[in-house]
C-alpha atoms as a PDB file:
ATOM      1  CA  MET A   1      77.346  16.127-191.578  1.00  0.00           C
ATOM      2  CA  ASP A   2      78.362  15.430-187.991  1.00  0.00           C
ATOM      3  CA  PHE A   3      80.286  12.390-187.149  1.00  0.00           C
ATOM      4  CA  GLN A   4      77.661  10.935-184.882  1.00  0.00           C
ATOM      5  CA  GLU A   5      75.126  11.618-187.452  1.00  0.00           C
ATOM      6  CA  LEU A   6      77.273   9.745-190.039  1.00  0.00           C
ATOM      7  CA  ILE A   7      77.705   6.474-187.964  1.00  0.00           C
ATOM      8  CA  ALA A   8      74.127   6.472-186.932  1.00  0.00           C
ATOM      9  CA  ARG A   9      72.978   6.865-190.542  1.00  0.00           C
ATOM     10  CA  ARG A  10      75.334   3.979-191.787  1.00  0.00           C
ATOM     11  CA  GLN A  11      73.359   0.890-192.715  1.00  0.00           C
ATOM     12  CA  SER A  12      74.013  -2.666-194.129  1.00  0.00           C
ATOM     13  CA  VAL A  13      72.191  -2.239-197.473  1.00  0.00           C
ATOM     14  CA  ARG A  14      70.872  -5.124-199.097  1.00  0.00           C
ATOM     15  CA  ASP A  15      68.881  -3.756-202.158  1.00  0.00           C
ATOM     16  CA  TYR A  16      70.789  -1.440-204.867  1.00  0.00           C
ATOM     17  CA  ARG A  17      69.832   0.604-207.618  1.00  0.00           C
ATOM     18  CA  THR A  18      71.896   0.011-210.732  1.00  0.00           C
ATOM     19  CA  ASP A  19      72.863   3.782-211.485  1.00  0.00           C
ATOM     20  CA  PRO A  20      76.368   4.595-211.965  1.00  0.00           C
ATOM     21  CA  ILE A  21      78.475   5.964-209.073  1.00  0.00           C
ATOM     22  CA  ASP A  22      80.133   9.268-209.687  1.00  0.00           C
ATOM     23  CA  ASP A  23      84.053   9.165-210.057  1.00  0.00           C
ATOM     24  CA  ALA A  24      84.521  11.576-207.560  1.00  0.00           C
ATOM     25  CA  ASP A  25      82.351   9.411-205.095  1.00  0.00           C
ATOM     26  CA  LEU A  26      84.403   6.335-205.841  1.00  0.00           C
ATOM     27  CA  ALA A  27      87.871   7.947-205.637  1.00  0.00           C
ATOM     28  CA  ARG A  28      86.740   9.482-202.408  1.00  0.00           C
ATOM     29  CA  VAL A  29      85.861   6.073-200.902  1.00  0.00           C
ATOM     30  CA  LEU A  30      89.032   4.590-201.982  1.00  0.00           C
ATOM     31  CA  GLU A  31      91.071   7.584-200.551  1.00  0.00           C
ATOM     32  CA  ALA A  32      89.506   6.963-197.273  1.00  0.00           C
ATOM     33  CA  ALA A  33      90.626   3.307-197.414  1.00  0.00           C
ATOM     34  CA  ARG A  34      94.106   4.463-198.295  1.00  0.00           C
ATOM     35  CA  LEU A  35      94.114   6.963-195.362  1.00  0.00           C
ATOM     36  CA  ALA A  36      92.911   4.489-192.948  1.00  0.00           C
ATOM     37  CA  PRO A  37      95.373   3.921-189.791  1.00  0.00           C
ATOM     38  CA  THR A  38      97.270   0.596-189.768  1.00  0.00           C
ATOM     39  CA  ALA A  39      99.582  -0.912-187.094  1.00  0.00           C
ATOM     40  CA  CYS A  40     103.056   0.913-187.294  1.00  0.00           C
ATOM     41  CA  ASN A  41     101.528   2.234-190.592  1.00  0.00           C
ATOM     42  CA  LYS A  42     102.470  -0.992-192.295  1.00  0.00           C
ATOM     43  CA  GLN A  43      99.439  -0.633-194.586  1.00  0.00           C
ATOM     44  CA  PRO A  44      99.310  -4.497-195.088  1.00  0.00           C
ATOM     45  CA  PHE A  45      96.408  -4.454-197.370  1.00  0.00           C
ATOM     46  CA  ARG A  46      95.158  -4.353-201.121  1.00  0.00           C
ATOM     47  CA  LEU A  47      92.108  -3.392-202.492  1.00  0.00           C
ATOM     48  CA  ALA A  48      90.087  -5.177-205.316  1.00  0.00           C
ATOM     49  CA  VAL A  49      87.875  -2.918-207.026  1.00  0.00           C
ATOM     50  CA  LEU A  50      85.614  -4.913-209.271  1.00  0.00           C
ATOM     51  CA  ARG A  51      82.986  -3.261-211.697  1.00  0.00           C
ATOM     52  CA  THR A  52      79.834  -5.773-211.272  1.00  0.00           C
ATOM     53  CA  ALA A  53      78.840  -5.528-215.030  1.00  0.00           C
ATOM     54  CA  GLU A  54      82.105  -7.174-216.139  1.00  0.00           C
ATOM     55  CA  ARG A  55      82.691  -9.637-213.323  1.00  0.00           C
ATOM     56  CA  ARG A  56      79.068 -10.557-212.470  1.00  0.00           C
ATOM     57  CA  GLU A  57      79.734 -14.528-212.731  1.00  0.00           C
ATOM     58  CA  ASP A  58      82.913 -14.321-210.780  1.00  0.00           C
ATOM     59  CA  LEU A  59      81.459 -12.056-208.064  1.00  0.00           C
ATOM     60  CA  ALA A  60      78.479 -14.668-207.813  1.00  0.00           C
ATOM     61  CA  ARG A  61      81.118 -17.149-206.952  1.00  0.00           C
ATOM     62  CA  ILE A  62      82.484 -15.330-204.181  1.00  0.00           C
ATOM     63  CA  TYR A  63      79.000 -14.469-202.534  1.00  0.00           C
ATOM     64  CA  HIS A  64      75.816 -15.962-203.950  1.00  0.00           C
ATOM     65  CA  ARG A  65      73.189 -13.363-203.044  1.00  0.00           C
ATOM     66  CA  PRO A  66      71.720 -11.547-205.837  1.00  0.00           C
ATOM     67  CA  TRP A  67      71.993  -8.192-204.270  1.00  0.00           C
ATOM     68  CA  PHE A  68      75.661  -8.366-203.876  1.00  0.00           C
ATOM     69  CA  VAL A  69      75.989  -7.879-207.880  1.00  0.00           C
ATOM     70  CA  GLN A  70      73.316  -5.211-207.930  1.00  0.00           C
ATOM     71  CA  PRO A  71      75.046  -1.967-207.664  1.00  0.00           C
ATOM     72  CA  PRO A  72      78.163  -0.993-210.023  1.00  0.00           C
ATOM     73  CA  TRP A  73      80.928  -1.858-207.796  1.00  0.00           C
ATOM     74  CA  VAL A  74      82.216  -4.512-205.186  1.00  0.00           C
ATOM     75  CA  ILE A  75      85.363  -3.742-203.258  1.00  0.00           C
ATOM     76  CA  GLY A  76      87.310  -6.512-201.525  1.00  0.00           C
ATOM     77  CA  VAL A  77      89.792  -5.732-198.656  1.00  0.00           C
ATOM     78  CA  LEU A  78      92.721  -8.154-198.718  1.00  0.00           C
ATOM     79  CA  ALA A  79      95.185  -8.619-195.882  1.00  0.00           C
ATOM     80  CA  VAL A  80      98.733  -9.135-197.047  1.00  0.00           C
ATOM     81  CA  ASN A  81     100.002 -11.235-193.866  1.00  0.00           C
ATOM     82  CA  ASP A  82     103.712 -10.973-194.372  1.00  0.00           C
ATOM     83  CA  GLU A  83     103.733  -7.022-194.486  1.00  0.00           C
ATOM     84  CA  ALA A  84     101.936  -6.584-191.237  1.00  0.00           C
ATOM     85  CA  TRP A  85     103.043  -5.355-187.942  1.00  0.00           C
ATOM     86  CA  VAL A  86     103.392  -8.515-185.661  1.00  0.00           C
ATOM     87  CA  ARG A  87     103.242  -8.129-181.796  1.00  0.00           C
ATOM     88  CA  LYS A  88     105.746  -9.640-179.577  1.00  0.00           C
ATOM     89  CA  ASP A  89     103.613 -12.572-178.828  1.00  0.00           C
ATOM     90  CA  GLY A  90     103.111 -13.609-182.472  1.00  0.00           C
ATOM     91  CA  LYS A  91      99.679 -12.018-182.898  1.00  0.00           C
ATOM     92  CA  ASN A  92      99.769 -10.736-186.736  1.00  0.00           C
ATOM     93  CA  HIS A  93      97.619  -7.416-187.255  1.00  0.00           C
ATOM     94  CA  ALA A  94      96.973  -7.571-190.903  1.00  0.00           C
ATOM     95  CA  GLU A  95      93.220  -8.684-190.591  1.00  0.00           C
ATOM     96  CA  ILE A  96      92.906  -6.245-188.001  1.00  0.00           C
ATOM     97  CA  ASP A  97      94.147  -3.469-190.193  1.00  0.00           C
ATOM     98  CA  ALA A  98      91.963  -4.667-193.136  1.00  0.00           C
ATOM     99  CA  ALA A  99      89.051  -4.520-191.110  1.00  0.00           C
ATOM    100  CA  ILE A 100      89.879  -0.758-190.007  1.00  0.00           C
ATOM    101  CA  VAL A 101      90.049  -0.167-193.890  1.00  0.00           C
ATOM    102  CA  MET A 102      86.788  -1.880-194.526  1.00  0.00           C
ATOM    103  CA  ASP A 103      85.277   0.397-191.754  1.00  0.00           C
ATOM    104  CA  HIS A 104      86.581   3.579-193.468  1.00  0.00           C
ATOM    105  CA  ILE A 105      85.176   2.552-196.691  1.00  0.00           C
ATOM    106  CA  VAL A 106      81.538   2.119-195.236  1.00  0.00           C
ATOM    107  CA  LEU A 107      81.757   5.188-193.526  1.00  0.00           C
ATOM    108  CA  ALA A 108      82.980   7.192-196.668  1.00  0.00           C
ATOM    109  CA  ALA A 109      80.360   5.726-198.764  1.00  0.00           C
ATOM    110  CA  ALA A 110      77.508   6.699-196.265  1.00  0.00           C
ATOM    111  CA  ASP A 111      79.212  10.151-196.232  1.00  0.00           C
ATOM    112  CA  ARG A 112      78.540  10.402-199.909  1.00  0.00           C
ATOM    113  CA  GLY A 113      75.185   9.048-199.652  1.00  0.00           C
ATOM    114  CA  LEU A 114      76.060   5.382-201.061  1.00  0.00           C
ATOM    115  CA  GLY A 115      75.175   2.141-199.707  1.00  0.00           C
ATOM    116  CA  THR A 116      77.555  -0.766-198.446  1.00  0.00           C
ATOM    117  CA  CYS A 117      77.271  -3.931-196.752  1.00  0.00           C
ATOM    118  CA  TRP A 118      80.155  -5.732-194.910  1.00  0.00           C
ATOM    119  CA  VAL A 119      80.172  -8.994-196.356  1.00  0.00           C
ATOM    120  CA  CYS A 120      82.480 -11.917-194.567  1.00  0.00           C
ATOM    121  CA  ASN A 121      80.352 -14.963-195.424  1.00  0.00           C
ATOM    122  CA  PHE A 122      81.866 -15.153-198.631  1.00  0.00           C
ATOM    123  CA  ASP A 123      83.579 -18.309-200.101  1.00  0.00           C
ATOM    124  CA  PRO A 124      87.281 -17.840-199.425  1.00  0.00           C
ATOM    125  CA  ILE A 125      88.437 -20.531-201.962  1.00  0.00           C
ATOM    126  CA  ALA A 126      86.492 -18.882-204.743  1.00  0.00           C
ATOM    127  CA  ALA A 127      87.725 -15.216-203.670  1.00  0.00           C
ATOM    128  CA  ARG A 128      91.258 -16.632-203.957  1.00  0.00           C
ATOM    129  CA  GLU A 129      90.539 -18.204-207.525  1.00  0.00           C
ATOM    130  CA  VAL A 130      88.727 -15.188-209.029  1.00  0.00           C
ATOM    131  CA  LEU A 131      91.352 -12.635-207.628  1.00  0.00           C
ATOM    132  CA  GLY A 132      94.341 -14.950-208.278  1.00  0.00           C
ATOM    133  CA  LEU A 133      95.450 -14.253-204.886  1.00  0.00           C
ATOM    134  CA  PRO A 134      99.015 -15.614-203.821  1.00  0.00           C
ATOM    135  CA  PRO A 135      99.247 -17.432-200.581  1.00  0.00           C
ATOM    136  CA  ASN A 136     100.230 -14.583-198.448  1.00  0.00           C
ATOM    137  CA  VAL A 137      97.217 -12.569-199.248  1.00  0.00           C
ATOM    138  CA  GLU A 138      94.019 -13.121-197.589  1.00  0.00           C
ATOM    139  CA  PRO A 139      90.505 -12.147-198.589  1.00  0.00           C
ATOM    140  CA  VAL A 140      88.925 -10.414-195.314  1.00  0.00           C
ATOM    141  CA  ALA A 141      85.818  -8.675-196.305  1.00  0.00           C
ATOM    142  CA  PHE A 142      83.857  -7.452-199.570  1.00  0.00           C
ATOM    143  CA  THR A 143      81.349  -4.844-199.889  1.00  0.00           C
ATOM    144  CA  PRO A 144      78.879  -3.985-202.525  1.00  0.00           C
ATOM    145  CA  LEU A 145      79.134  -0.057-203.331  1.00  0.00           C
ATOM    146  CA  GLY A 146      76.090   1.889-205.085  1.00  0.00           C
ATOM    147  CA  HIS A 147      72.881   3.843-204.511  1.00  0.00           C
ATOM    148  CA  PRO A 148      70.646   1.939-201.915  1.00  0.00           C
ATOM    149  CA  ALA A 149      67.211   1.102-203.169  1.00  0.00           C
ATOM    150  CA  ASP A 150      65.949  -0.118-199.878  1.00  0.00           C
ATOM    151  CA  ALA A 151      64.494   2.305-197.236  1.00  0.00           C
ATOM    152  CA  PRO A 152      66.865   3.074-193.914  1.00  0.00           C
ATOM    153  CA  ARG A 153      65.703   0.772-190.989  1.00  0.00           C
ATOM    154  CA  ASP A 154      65.866   1.311-187.174  1.00  0.00           C
ATOM    155  CA  LYS A 155      69.061   0.188-185.751  1.00  0.00           C
ATOM    156  CA  ILE A 156      68.829  -2.199-182.903  1.00  0.00           C
ATOM    157  CA  ARG A 157      71.766  -2.156-180.826  1.00  0.00           C
ATOM    158  CA  LYS A 158      72.612  -3.152-177.087  1.00  0.00           C
ATOM    159  CA  THR A 159      72.752  -0.289-174.581  1.00  0.00           C
ATOM    160  CA  LEU A 160      76.057   1.128-173.629  1.00  0.00           C
ATOM    161  CA  ASP A 161      75.284  -0.358-170.188  1.00  0.00           C
ATOM    162  CA  GLU A 162      75.308  -3.818-171.576  1.00  0.00           C
ATOM    163  CA  LEU A 163      78.522  -3.336-173.476  1.00  0.00           C
ATOM    164  CA  LEU A 164      80.730  -2.041-170.509  1.00  0.00           C
ATOM    165  CA  LEU A 165      83.142  -4.288-168.837  1.00  0.00           C
ATOM    166  CA  LYS A 166      82.252  -4.146-165.417  1.00  0.00           C
END
């Protein structure tokens, strides 16, 4: 599939089938995360790959929507702040790098016909507790990963002219 077609096809899925995901598809999505670019190639991130059947209650503490635990997997992207490149003005790029990783995950999933939904509206305290995170590791985003049950919707986006700085 052409890259422009892929980014046009990717959607935020909020209804999943419970069908299992092929191991090869999961591996391909995780490999895309591993290959994501990071500032100075510091790779200041970790992935929490959680099987929903085994962690349903824990995951519901992190994010309370029922569709979050419908598919077989949830992936969390975590920033490791003390491993990140820091710009000379003090700007730490761990969260930016984690966002790039999440983008690679959702695009790789779409390429395999899988659905995702970038979730940032989660409970960070619960995420920290459930995952047992040390203070230097920050949960940045989570996504369910599974086969979409909902139909694709039209994307509503601003025009390019509205987005260009003038």
